[in-house]
Amino acid sequence: DVVMKENPSRHRISIGRSSYPTNCNNQEDDLAGGITASKGFQQSLKPTSQGLASCSDYSILPFFKKLPVIDFLMEHIQGFRINDFRRRAREVMNVLKGLKVRITHRVTSQKFTIVGLTDQDTQHLSFDVEDPE
């Protein structure tokens, strides 16, 4: 069982006993609103009187598409434009809260979960430097 799951777990998203592809951008699988249907499978070995039998099951699970945040908002909020951000801040917050994002503008690849949005513009935002010692 471990051997059968080794390769899929390297190249696919594992949820429970099922495995789904990491890139699911087919137009036919688009469910709108920034969501896509991902086709996955589950493999297992079952003991039978004649030896082990390989069992495969097929499943479909909805996933958020891999998109830049602005594109995600445009797909998820009907009629959203970047100029409407302040006016629709509450709606944007409801859509983004809890969303896991990967940072692409830094050298290191980091993942974060959005817990809130600041009221300030980033050009006016600063942080105090804390000494870790």
Foldseek 3Di string as FASTA:
>chain_A
DCVVCVVQVVQFDDDPQKTWGPADDDPVQDPWLQKGKTKIKGWDWDQDPVGIDIDMDIDIDIDGHPDDLQVSCPGNPPPDDPVCCLVCVVVSFVVQAQDKDWDDPDPDIDIDRDHGDDPDDPVPDDDDDDDPD
